[in-house]
C-alpha cells in the first residue's frame, strides 16, 4: 500500500529523509529556494504565454482528433545490463524508448499553442510520476497547472529523483526514496507553463519529461498514435506535437462549429539529440 513519507519531503541540500510511517502523513513538499545543483538552460518546446488563460462558456465546441507519425528509422529498445552492486533492479532493464504501432507514435504530447480562452480547467489536478522497475513512468506526460505532483516508488530500491526546469536550468526539487510504497507530494511545483525533466541520480538511464500548461487543450497520443482534444472553440489555431526522441510537428488548423476536425501530424522536423546515459547500455 502506498504511504506518504513521514516529515517534509527533502528539498535541495537541506532536509533529511524520514522513515516511512503508516500513522503520520508527510507535509506537502515545496520547491527549494537554493540554486545549487542547477544546470545550463536549454531550448524548450513550450513558451510562456503572452497573457493569462481565461475560462469561458464554449459555444459550438469541436472535438479534434488526429494521429502522430514519424518518418525515418525509430530508436531501438535499449537493454541495460546492471552490475550486482545495483540492488532492487534485477540483472537487466529493457528501456522501450518509443511506444509505437508501425509508424504511429505513442507518448507524444499534442497541444494548441496559442489558445487563451475556452473550457474551464479540470477540477481534479493531481498527477503522478512513479519509480517502477528502476525506470520512471510515464516517460512523457502533460499536465495542467496549478496542480500537485506525487512522485512515488514501487521499487525495493533507493532512488533520488532530480527535477529540473529545462528552460532555466534550475533544480526545482529532489524526491528521495528508501523503499517501495513511499510518496513525495509536491503541491507548489506545477505552477506555470514550463518543461520539466526528471532523472534519477542513482539510475541515470531513468528519465521522464513533463510539459506543464496553463490551459486544458492538450493530449498525449496512445500507442496507436491517436489522440483527441475536446471542446475547442471555433477559430484558427497553431497545433504542435512533440516527442523527446523524435522531435516536433507543427501546423495551423481551423476549427469550424458543427464540423469534425481531423489532423495528421508527422514528427521529425526538429530531431532531438539523445543522451546515452546508462550502465552497460547497448
Foldseek 3Di string as FASTA:
>chain_A
DFFEFAEAFDWPPPDDGHHTDPPHHYDAHEWDPDQPPFDAADDDPADFAPDAAAEDEFDLFAKEKEFEFAPDDDDQWKKFADDPVAPFQPRIDIHRQWQADVRTTFQKKKFFRHHRYFHDDDPAFEEEWECDSNAIPPQEDEGEPDHKYKYFYQTCGWWKKWKAFNRHRGGTGIGIDNGHSYIHMHNHRQHGFTKMKIATPSFRVHIHIYTYHNDQGMWTAHSHRMTMGIGHHFDKTKMKIQDQAFAMWIDIDTDDRPDHHYDYTYTHPDGHDDDPDGHRMD
